[in-house]
Protein backbone atom coordinates (compact mmCIF):
# COMPACT_ATOMS: atom_id res chain seq x y z
CA UNK A 1 18.32 22.44 -3.06
CA UNK A 2 15.67 21.29 -5.53
CA UNK A 3 15.40 17.54 -6.04
CA UNK A 4 15.30 16.58 -9.69
CA UNK A 5 11.79 15.70 -10.82
CA UNK A 6 9.99 17.01 -7.75
CA UNK A 7 9.37 20.16 -5.80
CA UNK A 8 10.70 18.57 -2.62
CA UNK A 9 13.72 20.20 -1.05
CA UNK A 10 16.07 18.70 1.57
CA UNK A 11 13.93 19.05 4.68
CA UNK A 12 10.67 18.31 2.84
CA UNK A 13 12.24 15.21 1.32
CA UNK A 14 13.30 13.96 4.74
CA UNK A 15 9.85 14.67 6.21
CA UNK A 16 8.12 12.74 3.43
CA UNK A 17 10.58 9.87 3.72
CA UNK A 18 10.13 9.86 7.51
CA UNK A 19 6.35 9.68 7.09
CA UNK A 20 6.70 6.67 4.79
CA UNK A 21 9.17 4.95 7.09
CA UNK A 22 6.73 5.41 9.98
CA UNK A 23 3.94 3.97 7.82
CA UNK A 24 6.17 1.02 6.96
CA UNK A 25 6.90 0.39 10.67
CA UNK A 26 3.17 0.51 11.45
CA UNK A 27 2.39 -2.00 8.69
CA UNK A 28 5.13 -4.36 9.89
CA UNK A 29 3.85 -4.12 13.49
CA UNK A 30 0.29 -4.77 12.36
CA UNK A 31 1.40 -7.82 10.32
CA UNK A 32 3.30 -9.22 13.31
CA UNK A 33 0.26 -8.63 15.54
CA UNK A 34 -1.97 -10.44 13.07
CA UNK A 35 0.46 -13.36 12.96
CA UNK A 36 0.26 -13.66 16.76
CA UNK A 37 -3.54 -13.29 16.89
CA UNK A 38 -4.49 -15.62 14.03
CA UNK A 39 -6.48 -18.45 15.66
CA UNK A 40 -5.51 -20.96 12.97
CA UNK A 41 -1.81 -20.37 13.60
CA UNK A 42 -2.17 -20.50 17.40
CA UNK A 43 -1.54 -23.65 19.41
CA UNK A 44 -4.36 -26.12 18.84
CA UNK A 45 -6.80 -26.61 21.67
CA UNK A 46 -7.20 -30.19 22.87
CA UNK A 47 -10.99 -30.12 22.66
CA UNK A 48 -12.78 -27.13 21.30
CA UNK A 49 -16.36 -26.13 21.83
CA UNK A 50 -19.00 -26.52 19.16
CA UNK A 51 -18.56 -23.84 16.50
CA UNK A 52 -14.98 -22.96 17.43
CA UNK A 53 -13.51 -24.45 14.27
CA UNK A 54 -15.84 -22.49 12.02
CA UNK A 55 -15.09 -19.32 14.01
CA UNK A 56 -11.37 -19.98 13.57
CA UNK A 57 -11.76 -20.50 9.84
CA UNK A 58 -13.86 -17.36 9.39
CA UNK A 59 -11.55 -15.24 11.51
CA UNK A 60 -8.50 -16.59 9.67
CA UNK A 61 -10.08 -15.80 6.28
CA UNK A 62 -10.91 -12.24 7.36
CA UNK A 63 -7.38 -11.76 8.68
CA UNK A 64 -5.91 -13.06 5.42
CA UNK A 65 -7.87 -10.46 3.44
CA UNK A 66 -6.62 -7.72 5.76
CA UNK A 67 -3.10 -9.14 5.55
CA UNK A 68 -3.13 -8.94 1.75
CA UNK A 69 -4.15 -5.28 1.94
CA UNK A 70 -1.33 -4.58 4.40
CA UNK A 71 1.17 -6.36 2.16
CA UNK A 72 0.07 -4.19 -0.78
CA UNK A 73 0.36 -1.07 1.40
CA UNK A 74 3.86 -2.11 2.45
CA UNK A 75 4.89 -2.61 -1.18
CA UNK A 76 3.46 0.79 -2.19
CA UNK A 77 5.25 2.38 0.76
CA UNK A 78 8.57 0.81 -0.23
CA UNK A 79 8.07 2.08 -3.77
CA UNK A 80 7.33 5.58 -2.45
CA UNK A 81 10.47 5.56 -0.28
CA UNK A 82 12.52 4.51 -3.29
CA UNK A 83 11.02 7.31 -5.39
CA UNK A 84 11.80 9.86 -2.68
CA UNK A 85 15.40 8.63 -2.51
CA UNK A 86 15.75 8.86 -6.30
CA UNK A 87 14.22 12.32 -6.41
CA UNK A 88 11.25 11.11 -8.47
CA UNK A 89 8.51 11.26 -5.86
CA UNK A 90 5.58 13.25 -7.20
CA UNK A 91 6.19 12.49 -10.87
CA UNK A 92 3.80 10.34 -12.90
CA UNK A 93 5.50 7.08 -13.82
CA UNK A 94 3.68 7.02 -17.16
CA UNK A 95 3.78 10.55 -18.56
CA UNK A 96 6.27 12.31 -16.26
CA UNK A 97 3.97 15.18 -15.29
CA UNK A 98 3.45 16.19 -11.67
CA UNK A 99 1.08 14.04 -9.63
CA UNK A 100 -1.60 16.16 -8.00
CA UNK A 101 -0.74 16.99 -4.38
CA UNK A 102 -4.04 15.65 -3.06
CA UNK A 103 -3.21 12.25 -4.60
CA UNK A 104 0.14 12.25 -2.79
CA UNK A 105 -1.51 12.78 0.60
CA UNK A 106 -3.32 9.45 0.73
CA UNK A 107 -1.84 6.56 2.73
CA UNK A 108 -1.18 4.65 -0.46
CA UNK A 109 0.75 7.13 -2.52
CA UNK A 110 -0.18 7.67 -6.10
CA UNK A 111 2.48 7.05 -8.72
CA UNK A 112 0.35 8.30 -11.62
CA UNK A 113 -1.27 11.64 -12.31
CA UNK A 114 -5.07 11.71 -12.30
CA UNK A 115 -5.25 11.67 -16.09
CA UNK A 116 -3.08 8.54 -16.45
CA UNK A 117 -4.76 6.83 -13.50
CA UNK A 118 -8.20 7.46 -15.00
CA UNK A 119 -7.22 6.25 -18.46
CA UNK A 120 -5.62 3.12 -17.00
CA UNK A 121 -8.70 2.28 -14.94
CA UNK A 122 -11.29 3.04 -17.60
CA UNK A 123 -13.01 0.00 -19.08
CA UNK A 124 -11.53 -1.41 -22.25
CA UNK A 125 -13.37 -0.63 -25.44
CA UNK A 126 -14.21 -3.73 -27.45
CA UNK A 127 -14.78 -3.61 -31.15
CA UNK A 128 -16.83 -6.13 -33.00
CA UNK A 129 -14.74 -8.20 -35.38
CA UNK A 130 -15.57 -7.59 -39.01
């Protein structure tokens, strides 16, 4: 059976959805691991060695950057799962054309075709006021 809006059929749809669910589990596990390993969130040490506080702050900042990336990945993954369930996975959300297969293979799934993605990311053209 052909899913409306995509070329995915029953088994393919389930395989794609399964891949995204696995990605979502991995992201959630990684976020939980980071929560446990964050030195700022750990129990405070009674007396720390010289430089420990700056190490904690630096490590925490680096982990926060990684955490933000994982949160974005989780959101993109949820969106992809929703699109698969609606039968819209693989369709550009702007123009409705098919998203190139290579763009759908990346960990963060594309929701726009290359043409729309390029036009959205191109620098704005400014005109001089008359």
